[in-house]
């Protein structure tokens, strides 16, 4: 059940948003070695945000998943920063990522927990 949320102050047009949602879903599924059927992605764009006293393009990213291996977060950070920099044009030094592993019994789906 990986969930990746990207919040950015960058404005994205509608056609690009649909394209980047699909690319991001595929990327996260491959990165975490999970079925894309379980991956959820959200991108909130055009949000008033500031980082380091500047409103230059930036992103705040949350990655949540059941069984997220803590020892791989640095690898995931590198890959996510490279992906966001390449696809959205946001420099990696303007990206914060919050990783969170979730216990199965604390995540609901389809009227039950996983």
PDB file of N, CA and C in Angstrom:
ATOM      1  N   UNK A   1       0.797  -1.201   0.000  1.00  0.00           N
ATOM      2  CA  UNK A   1       0.000   0.000   0.000  1.00  0.00           C
ATOM      3  C   UNK A   1       0.838   1.263   0.000  1.00  0.00           C
ATOM      4  N   UNK A   2       1.843   1.336  -0.791  1.00  0.00           N
ATOM      5  CA  UNK A   2       2.646   2.565  -0.797  1.00  0.00           C
ATOM      6  C   UNK A   2       1.800   3.782  -1.174  1.00  0.00           C
ATOM      7  N   UNK A   3       2.043   4.860  -0.443  1.00  0.00           N
ATOM      8  CA  UNK A   3       1.400   6.135  -0.745  1.00  0.00           C
ATOM      9  C   UNK A   3       2.492   7.190  -0.838  1.00  0.00           C
ATOM     10  N   UNK A   4       2.524   7.905  -1.955  1.00  0.00           N
ATOM     11  CA  UNK A   4       3.484   8.984  -2.137  1.00  0.00           C
ATOM     12  C   UNK A   4       2.706  10.263  -2.383  1.00  0.00           C
ATOM     13  N   UNK A   5       2.975  11.262  -1.564  1.00  0.00           N
ATOM     14  CA  UNK A   5       2.342  12.572  -1.715  1.00  0.00           C
ATOM     15  C   UNK A   5       3.432  13.588  -1.999  1.00  0.00           C
ATOM     16  N   UNK A   6       3.235  14.355  -3.052  1.00  0.00           N
ATOM     17  CA  UNK A   6       4.145  15.443  -3.392  1.00  0.00           C
ATOM     18  C   UNK A   6       3.375  16.745  -3.276  1.00  0.00           C
ATOM     19  N   UNK A   7       3.901  17.656  -2.466  1.00  0.00           N
ATOM     20  CA  UNK A   7       3.361  19.005  -2.388  1.00  0.00           C
ATOM     21  C   UNK A   7       4.414  19.938  -2.942  1.00  0.00           C
ATOM     22  N   UNK A   8       3.995  20.825  -3.825  1.00  0.00           N
ATOM     23  CA  UNK A   8       4.956  21.736  -4.448  1.00  0.00           C
ATOM     24  C   UNK A   8       4.315  23.089  -4.714  1.00  0.00           C
ATOM     25  N   UNK A   9       5.153  24.097  -4.744  1.00  0.00           N
ATOM     26  CA  UNK A   9       4.684  25.429  -5.102  1.00  0.00           C
ATOM     27  C   UNK A   9       4.702  25.629  -6.616  1.00  0.00           C
ATOM     28  N   UNK A  10       5.208  24.671  -7.326  1.00  0.00           N
ATOM     29  CA  UNK A  10       5.293  24.757  -8.783  1.00  0.00           C
ATOM     30  C   UNK A  10       3.913  24.514  -9.397  1.00  0.00           C
ATOM     31  N   UNK A  11       3.576  25.298 -10.400  1.00  0.00           N
ATOM     32  CA  UNK A  11       2.313  25.124 -11.122  1.00  0.00           C
ATOM     33  C   UNK A  11       2.505  24.083 -12.221  1.00  0.00           C
ATOM     34  N   UNK A  12       1.580  23.134 -12.314  1.00  0.00           N
ATOM     35  CA  UNK A  12       1.636  22.088 -13.338  1.00  0.00           C
ATOM     36  C   UNK A  12       0.346  22.134 -14.149  1.00  0.00           C
ATOM     37  N   UNK A  13       0.469  22.020 -15.476  1.00  0.00           N
ATOM     38  CA  UNK A  13      -0.760  22.023 -16.279  1.00  0.00           C
ATOM     39  C   UNK A  13      -1.449  20.655 -16.192  1.00  0.00           C
ATOM     40  N   UNK A  14      -2.722  20.617 -16.531  1.00  0.00           N
ATOM     41  CA  UNK A  14      -3.543  19.416 -16.346  1.00  0.00           C
ATOM     42  C   UNK A  14      -2.990  18.217 -17.109  1.00  0.00           C
ATOM     43  N   UNK A  15      -2.608  18.394 -18.344  1.00  0.00           N
ATOM     44  CA  UNK A  15      -2.083  17.269 -19.132  1.00  0.00           C
ATOM     45  C   UNK A  15      -0.820  16.710 -18.500  1.00  0.00           C
ATOM     46  N   UNK A  16       0.055  17.585 -18.033  1.00  0.00           N
ATOM     47  CA  UNK A  16       1.295  17.133 -17.403  1.00  0.00           C
ATOM     48  C   UNK A  16       1.002  16.412 -16.095  1.00  0.00           C
ATOM     49  N   UNK A  17       0.011  16.882 -15.324  1.00  0.00           N
ATOM     50  CA  UNK A  17      -0.331  16.236 -14.053  1.00  0.00           C
ATOM     51  C   UNK A  17      -0.740  14.786 -14.268  1.00  0.00           C
ATOM     52  N   UNK A  18      -1.562  14.531 -15.271  1.00  0.00           N
ATOM     53  CA  UNK A  18      -1.976  13.151 -15.558  1.00  0.00           C
ATOM     54  C   UNK A  18      -0.774  12.295 -15.941  1.00  0.00           C
ATOM     55  N   UNK A  19       0.092  12.839 -16.749  1.00  0.00           N
ATOM     56  CA  UNK A  19       1.290  12.120 -17.193  1.00  0.00           C
ATOM     57  C   UNK A  19       2.224  11.838 -16.018  1.00  0.00           C
ATOM     58  N   UNK A  20       2.454  12.829 -15.171  1.00  0.00           N
ATOM     59  CA  UNK A  20       3.396  12.660 -14.063  1.00  0.00           C
ATOM     60  C   UNK A  20       2.816  11.736 -12.987  1.00  0.00           C
ATOM     61  N   UNK A  21       1.507  11.723 -12.806  1.00  0.00           N
ATOM     62  CA  UNK A  21       0.901  10.777 -11.872  1.00  0.00           C
ATOM     63  C   UNK A  21       1.211   9.345 -12.300  1.00  0.00           C
ATOM     64  N   UNK A  22       1.037   9.050 -13.571  1.00  0.00           N
ATOM     65  CA  UNK A  22       1.297   7.701 -14.085  1.00  0.00           C
ATOM     66  C   UNK A  22       2.777   7.351 -13.956  1.00  0.00           C
ATOM     67  N   UNK A  23       3.657   8.256 -14.369  1.00  0.00           N
ATOM     68  CA  UNK A  23       5.100   8.008 -14.264  1.00  0.00           C
ATOM     69  C   UNK A  23       5.517   7.773 -12.816  1.00  0.00           C
ATOM     70  N   UNK A  24       4.962   8.567 -11.906  1.00  0.00           N
ATOM     71  CA  UNK A  24       5.318   8.465 -10.498  1.00  0.00           C
ATOM     72  C   UNK A  24       4.817   7.145  -9.914  1.00  0.00           C
ATOM     73  N   UNK A  25       3.625   6.731 -10.291  1.00  0.00           N
ATOM     74  CA  UNK A  25       3.079   5.463  -9.823  1.00  0.00           C
ATOM     75  C   UNK A  25       3.971   4.294 -10.249  1.00  0.00           C
ATOM     76  N   UNK A  26       4.354   4.288 -11.496  1.00  0.00           N
ATOM     77  CA  UNK A  26       5.249   3.237 -12.008  1.00  0.00           C
ATOM     78  C   UNK A  26       6.601   3.284 -11.293  1.00  0.00           C
ATOM     79  N   UNK A  27       7.114   4.488 -11.098  1.00  0.00           N
ATOM     80  CA  UNK A  27       8.409   4.661 -10.445  1.00  0.00           C
ATOM     81  C   UNK A  27       8.390   4.120  -9.014  1.00  0.00           C
ATOM     82  N   UNK A  28       7.377   4.478  -8.248  1.00  0.00           N
ATOM     83  CA  UNK A  28       7.276   4.039  -6.852  1.00  0.00           C
ATOM     84  C   UNK A  28       7.098   2.527  -6.774  1.00  0.00           C
ATOM     85  N   UNK A  29       6.274   1.964  -7.637  1.00  0.00           N
ATOM     86  CA  UNK A  29       6.090   0.510  -7.650  1.00  0.00           C
ATOM     87  C   UNK A  29       7.427  -0.187  -7.890  1.00  0.00           C
ATOM     88  N   UNK A  30       8.188   0.290  -8.842  1.00  0.00           N
ATOM     89  CA  UNK A  30       9.500  -0.309  -9.133  1.00  0.00           C
ATOM     90  C   UNK A  30      10.487  -0.080  -7.997  1.00  0.00           C
ATOM     91  N   UNK A  31      10.495   1.125  -7.452  1.00  0.00           N
ATOM     92  CA  UNK A  31      11.422   1.469  -6.384  1.00  0.00           C
ATOM     93  C   UNK A  31      11.223   0.567  -5.162  1.00  0.00           C
ATOM     94  N   UNK A  32       9.956   0.331  -4.805  1.00  0.00           N
ATOM     95  CA  UNK A  32       9.648  -0.451  -3.610  1.00  0.00           C
ATOM     96  C   UNK A  32       9.390  -1.922  -3.905  1.00  0.00           C
ATOM     97  N   UNK A  33       9.493  -2.291  -5.167  1.00  0.00           N
ATOM     98  CA  UNK A  33       9.242  -3.674  -5.587  1.00  0.00           C
ATOM     99  C   UNK A  33       7.851  -4.132  -5.137  1.00  0.00           C
ATOM    100  N   UNK A  34       6.860  -3.290  -5.426  1.00  0.00           N
ATOM    101  CA  UNK A  34       5.462  -3.561  -5.079  1.00  0.00           C
ATOM    102  C   UNK A  34       4.631  -3.524  -6.356  1.00  0.00           C
ATOM    103  N   UNK A  35       3.472  -4.162  -6.313  1.00  0.00           N
ATOM    104  CA  UNK A  35       2.557  -4.106  -7.438  1.00  0.00           C
ATOM    105  C   UNK A  35       1.988  -2.694  -7.556  1.00  0.00           C
ATOM    106  N   UNK A  36       1.931  -2.197  -8.769  1.00  0.00           N
ATOM    107  CA  UNK A  36       1.363  -0.869  -8.983  1.00  0.00           C
ATOM    108  C   UNK A  36      -0.119  -0.833  -8.610  1.00  0.00           C
ATOM    109  N   UNK A  37      -0.763  -1.992  -8.540  1.00  0.00           N
ATOM    110  CA  UNK A  37      -2.166  -2.065  -8.147  1.00  0.00           C
ATOM    111  C   UNK A  37      -2.407  -1.507  -6.747  1.00  0.00           C
ATOM    112  N   UNK A  38      -1.375  -1.475  -5.913  1.00  0.00           N
ATOM    113  CA  UNK A  38      -1.509  -1.015  -4.533  1.00  0.00           C
ATOM    114  C   UNK A  38      -0.943   0.380  -4.312  1.00  0.00           C
ATOM    115  N   UNK A  39      -0.335   0.984  -5.315  1.00  0.00           N
ATOM    116  CA  UNK A  39       0.332   2.278  -5.167  1.00  0.00           C
ATOM    117  C   UNK A  39      -0.672   3.425  -5.327  1.00  0.00           C
ATOM    118  N   UNK A  40      -0.621   4.371  -4.397  1.00  0.00           N
ATOM    119  CA  UNK A  40      -1.441   5.582  -4.490  1.00  0.00           C
ATOM    120  C   UNK A  40      -0.510   6.789  -4.538  1.00  0.00           C
ATOM    121  N   UNK A  41      -0.814   7.709  -5.435  1.00  0.00           N
ATOM    122  CA  UNK A  41       0.007   8.906  -5.644  1.00  0.00           C
ATOM    123  C   UNK A  41      -0.894  10.127  -5.576  1.00  0.00           C
ATOM    124  N   UNK A  42      -0.423  11.174  -4.921  1.00  0.00           N
ATOM    125  CA  UNK A  42      -1.119  12.460  -5.011  1.00  0.00           C
ATOM    126  C   UNK A  42      -0.081  13.556  -5.225  1.00  0.00           C
ATOM    127  N   UNK A  43      -0.459  14.514  -6.035  1.00  0.00           N
ATOM    128  CA  UNK A  43       0.399  15.666  -6.284  1.00  0.00           C
ATOM    129  C   UNK A  43      -0.443  16.919  -6.070  1.00  0.00           C
ATOM    130  N   UNK A  44      -0.076  17.678  -5.064  1.00  0.00           N
ATOM    131  CA  UNK A  44      -0.732  18.949  -4.780  1.00  0.00           C
ATOM    132  C   UNK A  44       0.218  20.040  -5.249  1.00  0.00           C
ATOM    133  N   UNK A  45      -0.221  20.791  -6.235  1.00  0.00           N
ATOM    134  CA  UNK A  45       0.663  21.775  -6.855  1.00  0.00           C
ATOM    135  C   UNK A  45       0.123  23.181  -6.710  1.00  0.00           C
ATOM    136  N   UNK A  46       1.003  24.142  -6.927  1.00  0.00           N
ATOM    137  CA  UNK A  46       0.611  25.540  -6.857  1.00  0.00           C
ATOM    138  C   UNK A  46       0.310  26.006  -5.444  1.00  0.00           C
ATOM    139  N   UNK A  47       0.858  25.314  -4.451  1.00  0.00           N
ATOM    140  CA  UNK A  47       0.621  25.652  -3.049  1.00  0.00           C
ATOM    141  C   UNK A  47       1.585  26.774  -2.639  1.00  0.00           C
ATOM    142  N   UNK A  48       1.101  27.787  -1.954  1.00  0.00           N
ATOM    143  CA  UNK A  48       2.032  28.799  -1.441  1.00  0.00           C
ATOM    144  C   UNK A  48       2.984  28.142  -0.439  1.00  0.00           C
ATOM    145  N   UNK A  49       4.266  28.084  -0.779  1.00  0.00           N
ATOM    146  CA  UNK A  49       5.267  27.440   0.070  1.00  0.00           C
ATOM    147  C   UNK A  49       6.567  28.224  -0.012  1.00  0.00           C
ATOM    148  N   UNK A  50       7.328  28.155   1.066  1.00  0.00           N
ATOM    149  CA  UNK A  50       8.639  28.797   1.107  1.00  0.00           C
ATOM    150  C   UNK A  50       9.605  27.863   1.806  1.00  0.00           C
ATOM    151  N   UNK A  51      10.841  27.845   1.331  1.00  0.00           N
ATOM    152  CA  UNK A  51      11.897  27.042   1.943  1.00  0.00           C
ATOM    153  C   UNK A  51      13.183  27.851   1.902  1.00  0.00           C
ATOM    154  N   UNK A  52      13.840  27.959   3.035  1.00  0.00           N
ATOM    155  CA  UNK A  52      15.091  28.707   3.097  1.00  0.00           C
ATOM    156  C   UNK A  52      14.933  30.174   2.750  1.00  0.00           C
ATOM    157  N   UNK A  53      13.754  30.725   3.045  1.00  0.00           N
ATOM    158  CA  UNK A  53      13.521  32.133   2.755  1.00  0.00           C
ATOM    159  C   UNK A  53      13.247  32.433   1.298  1.00  0.00           C
ATOM    160  N   UNK A  54      13.029  31.384   0.492  1.00  0.00           N
ATOM    161  CA  UNK A  54      12.833  31.564  -0.948  1.00  0.00           C
ATOM    162  C   UNK A  54      11.586  30.815  -1.419  1.00  0.00           C
ATOM    163  N   UNK A  55      10.910  31.396  -2.407  1.00  0.00           N
ATOM    164  CA  UNK A  55       9.764  30.734  -3.015  1.00  0.00           C
ATOM    165  C   UNK A  55      10.134  30.073  -4.351  1.00  0.00           C
ATOM    166  N   UNK A  56      11.423  29.892  -4.599  1.00  0.00           N
ATOM    167  CA  UNK A  56      11.845  29.142  -5.787  1.00  0.00           C
ATOM    168  C   UNK A  56      11.214  27.750  -5.712  1.00  0.00           C
ATOM    169  N   UNK A  57      11.085  27.042  -6.856  1.00  0.00           N
ATOM    170  CA  UNK A  57      10.432  25.731  -6.845  1.00  0.00           C
ATOM    171  C   UNK A  57      10.987  24.816  -5.747  1.00  0.00           C
ATOM    172  N   UNK A  58      10.048  24.167  -5.039  1.00  0.00           N
ATOM    173  CA  UNK A  58      10.407  23.259  -3.949  1.00  0.00           C
ATOM    174  C   UNK A  58       9.351  22.164  -3.863  1.00  0.00           C
ATOM    175  N   UNK A  59       9.683  21.121  -3.106  1.00  0.00           N
ATOM    176  CA  UNK A  59       8.725  20.036  -2.897  1.00  0.00           C
ATOM    177  C   UNK A  59       8.881  19.458  -1.504  1.00  0.00           C
ATOM    178  N   UNK A  60       7.748  19.116  -0.925  1.00  0.00           N
ATOM    179  CA  UNK A  60       7.704  18.341   0.314  1.00  0.00           C
ATOM    180  C   UNK A  60       7.050  17.023  -0.067  1.00  0.00           C
ATOM    181  N   UNK A  61       7.714  15.924   0.254  1.00  0.00           N
ATOM    182  CA  UNK A  61       7.273  14.603  -0.177  1.00  0.00           C
ATOM    183  C   UNK A  61       7.070  13.719   1.045  1.00  0.00           C
ATOM    184  N   UNK A  62       5.981  12.956   1.040  1.00  0.00           N
ATOM    185  CA  UNK A  62       5.750  11.948   2.064  1.00  0.00           C
ATOM    186  C   UNK A  62       5.643  10.594   1.383  1.00  0.00           C
ATOM    187  N   UNK A  63       6.409   9.637   1.875  1.00  0.00           N
ATOM    188  CA  UNK A  63       6.302   8.266   1.395  1.00  0.00           C
ATOM    189  C   UNK A  63       5.934   7.385   2.580  1.00  0.00           C
ATOM    190  N   UNK A  64       4.796   6.723   2.460  1.00  0.00           N
ATOM    191  CA  UNK A  64       4.327   5.819   3.498  1.00  0.00           C
ATOM    192  C   UNK A  64       4.122   4.442   2.877  1.00  0.00           C
ATOM    193  N   UNK A  65       4.468   3.413   3.640  1.00  0.00           N
ATOM    194  CA  UNK A  65       4.250   2.064   3.137  1.00  0.00           C
ATOM    195  C   UNK A  65       4.316   1.069   4.275  1.00  0.00           C
ATOM    196  N   UNK A  66       3.536   0.025   4.157  1.00  0.00           N
ATOM    197  CA  UNK A  66       3.651  -1.088   5.083  1.00  0.00           C
ATOM    198  C   UNK A  66       4.993  -1.754   4.797  1.00  0.00           C
ATOM    199  N   UNK A  67       5.744  -2.006   5.848  1.00  0.00           N
ATOM    200  CA  UNK A  67       7.023  -2.696   5.691  1.00  0.00           C
ATOM    201  C   UNK A  67       8.109  -1.872   5.034  1.00  0.00           C
ATOM    202  N   UNK A  68       8.055  -0.560   5.146  1.00  0.00           N
ATOM    203  CA  UNK A  68       9.088   0.291   4.553  1.00  0.00           C
ATOM    204  C   UNK A  68      10.415   0.039   5.271  1.00  0.00           C
ATOM    205  N   UNK A  69      11.414  -0.466   4.566  1.00  0.00           N
ATOM    206  CA  UNK A  69      12.684  -0.780   5.226  1.00  0.00           C
ATOM    207  C   UNK A  69      13.488   0.481   5.559  1.00  0.00           C
ATOM    208  N   UNK A  70      13.696   0.719   6.850  1.00  0.00           N
ATOM    209  CA  UNK A  70      14.410   1.917   7.297  1.00  0.00           C
ATOM    210  C   UNK A  70      15.816   2.004   6.732  1.00  0.00           C
ATOM    211  N   UNK A  71      16.448   0.875   6.552  1.00  0.00           N
ATOM    212  CA  UNK A  71      17.838   0.874   6.075  1.00  0.00           C
ATOM    213  C   UNK A  71      17.956   1.246   4.599  1.00  0.00           C
ATOM    214  N   UNK A  72      16.830   1.385   3.902  1.00  0.00           N
ATOM    215  CA  UNK A  72      16.874   1.758   2.484  1.00  0.00           C
ATOM    216  C   UNK A  72      16.371   3.184   2.229  1.00  0.00           C
ATOM    217  N   UNK A  73      16.041   3.908   3.306  1.00  0.00           N
ATOM    218  CA  UNK A  73      15.496   5.260   3.114  1.00  0.00           C
ATOM    219  C   UNK A  73      16.482   6.191   2.410  1.00  0.00           C
ATOM    220  N   UNK A  74      17.780   6.063   2.682  1.00  0.00           N
ATOM    221  CA  UNK A  74      18.771   6.909   1.994  1.00  0.00           C
ATOM    222  C   UNK A  74      18.792   6.605   0.493  1.00  0.00           C
ATOM    223  N   UNK A  75      18.673   5.331   0.144  1.00  0.00           N
ATOM    224  CA  UNK A  75      18.622   4.928  -1.272  1.00  0.00           C
ATOM    225  C   UNK A  75      17.349   5.471  -1.906  1.00  0.00           C
ATOM    226  N   UNK A  76      16.224   5.341  -1.187  1.00  0.00           N
ATOM    227  CA  UNK A  76      14.955   5.858  -1.704  1.00  0.00           C
ATOM    228  C   UNK A  76      15.007   7.378  -1.857  1.00  0.00           C
ATOM    229  N   UNK A  77      15.636   8.065  -0.915  1.00  0.00           N
ATOM    230  CA  UNK A  77      15.767   9.519  -0.982  1.00  0.00           C
ATOM    231  C   UNK A  77      16.534   9.935  -2.235  1.00  0.00           C
ATOM    232  N   UNK A  78      17.631   9.272  -2.484  1.00  0.00           N
ATOM    233  CA  UNK A  78      18.431   9.562  -3.670  1.00  0.00           C
ATOM    234  C   UNK A  78      17.594   9.368  -4.933  1.00  0.00           C
ATOM    235  N   UNK A  79      16.916   8.235  -5.016  1.00  0.00           N
ATOM    236  CA  UNK A  79      16.126   7.927  -6.212  1.00  0.00           C
ATOM    237  C   UNK A  79      14.964   8.905  -6.378  1.00  0.00           C
ATOM    238  N   UNK A  80      14.259   9.199  -5.289  1.00  0.00           N
ATOM    239  CA  UNK A  80      13.131  10.136  -5.373  1.00  0.00           C
ATOM    240  C   UNK A  80      13.590  11.539  -5.747  1.00  0.00           C
ATOM    241  N   UNK A  81      14.676  11.996  -5.142  1.00  0.00           N
ATOM    242  CA  UNK A  81      15.195  13.331  -5.489  1.00  0.00           C
ATOM    243  C   UNK A  81      15.593  13.392  -6.957  1.00  0.00           C
ATOM    244  N   UNK A  82      16.265  12.358  -7.451  1.00  0.00           N
ATOM    245  CA  UNK A  82      16.646  12.330  -8.867  1.00  0.00           C
ATOM    246  C   UNK A  82      15.411  12.340  -9.761  1.00  0.00           C
ATOM    247  N   UNK A  83      14.392  11.559  -9.391  1.00  0.00           N
ATOM    248  CA  UNK A  83      13.160  11.490 -10.176  1.00  0.00           C
ATOM    249  C   UNK A  83      12.455  12.845 -10.198  1.00  0.00           C
ATOM    250  N   UNK A  84      12.277  13.456  -9.037  1.00  0.00           N
ATOM    251  CA  UNK A  84      11.573  14.743  -8.950  1.00  0.00           C
ATOM    252  C   UNK A  84      12.357  15.843  -9.665  1.00  0.00           C
ATOM    253  N   UNK A  85      13.668  15.818  -9.513  1.00  0.00           N
ATOM    254  CA  UNK A  85      14.500  16.810 -10.202  1.00  0.00           C
ATOM    255  C   UNK A  85      14.370  16.657 -11.718  1.00  0.00           C
ATOM    256  N   UNK A  86      14.396  15.423 -12.182  1.00  0.00           N
ATOM    257  CA  UNK A  86      14.307  15.156 -13.612  1.00  0.00           C
ATOM    258  C   UNK A  86      12.920  15.470 -14.179  1.00  0.00           C
ATOM    259  N   UNK A  87      11.883  15.048 -13.479  1.00  0.00           N
ATOM    260  CA  UNK A  87      10.522  15.176 -14.009  1.00  0.00           C
ATOM    261  C   UNK A  87       9.870  16.530 -13.725  1.00  0.00           C
ATOM    262  N   UNK A  88      10.153  17.118 -12.574  1.00  0.00           N
ATOM    263  CA  UNK A  88       9.507  18.379 -12.199  1.00  0.00           C
ATOM    264  C   UNK A  88      10.443  19.581 -12.248  1.00  0.00           C
ATOM    265  N   UNK A  89      11.738  19.324 -12.412  1.00  0.00           N
ATOM    266  CA  UNK A  89      12.690  20.423 -12.485  1.00  0.00           C
ATOM    267  C   UNK A  89      12.934  21.108 -11.152  1.00  0.00           C
ATOM    268  N   UNK A  90      12.723  20.377 -10.061  1.00  0.00           N
ATOM    269  CA  UNK A  90      12.958  20.925  -8.727  1.00  0.00           C
ATOM    270  C   UNK A  90      14.294  20.384  -8.230  1.00  0.00           C
ATOM    271  N   UNK A  91      15.252  21.254  -7.922  1.00  0.00           N
ATOM    272  CA  UNK A  91      16.567  20.788  -7.466  1.00  0.00           C
ATOM    273  C   UNK A  91      16.452  19.964  -6.179  1.00  0.00           C
ATOM    274  N   UNK A  92      17.290  18.960  -6.060  1.00  0.00           N
ATOM    275  CA  UNK A  92      17.213  18.063  -4.907  1.00  0.00           C
ATOM    276  C   UNK A  92      17.461  18.782  -3.581  1.00  0.00           C
ATOM    277  N   UNK A  93      18.192  19.895  -3.606  1.00  0.00           N
ATOM    278  CA  UNK A  93      18.416  20.624  -2.352  1.00  0.00           C
ATOM    279  C   UNK A  93      17.213  21.501  -1.971  1.00  0.00           C
ATOM    280  N   UNK A  94      16.126  21.382  -2.751  1.00  0.00           N
ATOM    281  CA  UNK A  94      14.876  22.091  -2.450  1.00  0.00           C
ATOM    282  C   UNK A  94      13.752  21.076  -2.193  1.00  0.00           C
ATOM    283  N   UNK A  95      14.140  19.848  -1.820  1.00  0.00           N
ATOM    284  CA  UNK A  95      13.177  18.770  -1.590  1.00  0.00           C
ATOM    285  C   UNK A  95      13.387  18.187  -0.196  1.00  0.00           C
ATOM    286  N   UNK A  96      12.321  18.108   0.570  1.00  0.00           N
ATOM    287  CA  UNK A  96      12.316  17.377   1.838  1.00  0.00           C
ATOM    288  C   UNK A  96      11.464  16.127   1.638  1.00  0.00           C
ATOM    289  N   UNK A  97      11.901  15.012   2.218  1.00  0.00           N
ATOM    290  CA  UNK A  97      11.145  13.759   2.121  1.00  0.00           C
ATOM    291  C   UNK A  97      10.942  13.196   3.521  1.00  0.00           C
ATOM    292  N   UNK A  98       9.703  12.857   3.833  1.00  0.00           N
ATOM    293  CA  UNK A  98       9.353  12.232   5.104  1.00  0.00           C
ATOM    294  C   UNK A  98       8.968  10.780   4.823  1.00  0.00           C
ATOM    295  N   UNK A  99       9.753   9.839   5.337  1.00  0.00           N
ATOM    296  CA  UNK A  99       9.468   8.415   5.168  1.00  0.00           C
ATOM    297  C   UNK A  99       8.751   7.901   6.406  1.00  0.00           C
ATOM    298  N   UNK A 100       7.750   7.055   6.199  1.00  0.00           N
ATOM    299  CA  UNK A 100       7.049   6.485   7.344  1.00  0.00           C
ATOM    300  C   UNK A 100       6.611   5.056   7.034  1.00  0.00           C
ATOM    301  N   UNK A 101       7.085   4.139   7.851  1.00  0.00           N
ATOM    302  CA  UNK A 101       6.615   2.762   7.783  1.00  0.00           C
ATOM    303  C   UNK A 101       5.331   2.636   8.583  1.00  0.00           C
ATOM    304  N   UNK A 102       4.399   1.841   8.090  1.00  0.00           N
ATOM    305  CA  UNK A 102       3.102   1.679   8.737  1.00  0.00           C
ATOM    306  C   UNK A 102       2.886   0.203   9.060  1.00  0.00           C
ATOM    307  N   UNK A 103       2.363  -0.054  10.242  1.00  0.00           N
ATOM    308  CA  UNK A 103       2.016  -1.421  10.624  1.00  0.00           C
ATOM    309  C   UNK A 103       0.711  -1.810   9.925  1.00  0.00           C
ATOM    310  N   UNK A 104       0.616  -3.059   9.499  1.00  0.00           N
ATOM    311  CA  UNK A 104      -0.564  -3.545   8.774  1.00  0.00           C
ATOM    312  C   UNK A 104      -1.877  -3.247   9.486  1.00  0.00           C
ATOM    313  N   UNK A 105      -1.894  -3.490  10.783  1.00  0.00           N
ATOM    314  CA  UNK A 105      -3.149  -3.341  11.517  1.00  0.00           C
ATOM    315  C   UNK A 105      -3.526  -1.872  11.737  1.00  0.00           C
ATOM    316  N   UNK A 106      -2.680  -0.962  11.297  1.00  0.00           N
ATOM    317  CA  UNK A 106      -2.970   0.465  11.439  1.00  0.00           C
ATOM    318  C   UNK A 106      -3.236   1.139  10.101  1.00  0.00           C
ATOM    319  N   UNK A 107      -3.576   0.313   9.108  1.00  0.00           N
ATOM    320  CA  UNK A 107      -3.910   0.864   7.799  1.00  0.00           C
ATOM    321  C   UNK A 107      -5.165   0.183   7.287  1.00  0.00           C
ATOM    322  N   UNK A 108      -6.208   0.981   7.044  1.00  0.00           N
ATOM    323  CA  UNK A 108      -7.481   0.428   6.602  1.00  0.00           C
ATOM    324  C   UNK A 108      -7.641   0.447   5.100  1.00  0.00           C
ATOM    325  N   UNK A 109      -8.378  -0.533   4.631  1.00  0.00           N
ATOM    326  CA  UNK A 109      -8.723  -0.624   3.207  1.00  0.00           C
ATOM    327  C   UNK A 109      -9.910  -1.561   3.059  1.00  0.00           C
ATOM    328  N   UNK A 110     -10.861  -1.183   2.262  1.00  0.00           N
ATOM    329  CA  UNK A 110     -11.976  -2.055   1.913  1.00  0.00           C
ATOM    330  C   UNK A 110     -12.719  -2.592   3.142  1.00  0.00           C
ATOM    331  N   UNK A 111     -13.018  -1.702   4.069  1.00  0.00           N
ATOM    332  CA  UNK A 111     -13.783  -1.995   5.289  1.00  0.00           C
ATOM    333  C   UNK A 111     -13.044  -2.863   6.301  1.00  0.00           C
ATOM    334  N   UNK A 112     -11.736  -2.940   6.189  1.00  0.00           N
ATOM    335  CA  UNK A 112     -10.945  -3.756   7.119  1.00  0.00           C
ATOM    336  C   UNK A 112      -9.557  -3.128   7.231  1.00  0.00           C
ATOM    337  N   UNK A 113      -8.686  -3.789   7.927  1.00  0.00           N
ATOM    338  CA  UNK A 113      -7.279  -3.379   7.942  1.00  0.00           C
ATOM    339  C   UNK A 113      -6.481  -4.394   7.150  1.00  0.00           C
ATOM    340  N   UNK A 114      -5.310  -3.999   6.759  1.00  0.00           N
ATOM    341  CA  UNK A 114      -4.469  -4.889   5.967  1.00  0.00           C
ATOM    342  C   UNK A 114      -3.672  -5.776   6.901  1.00  0.00           C
TER     343      UNK A 114
END
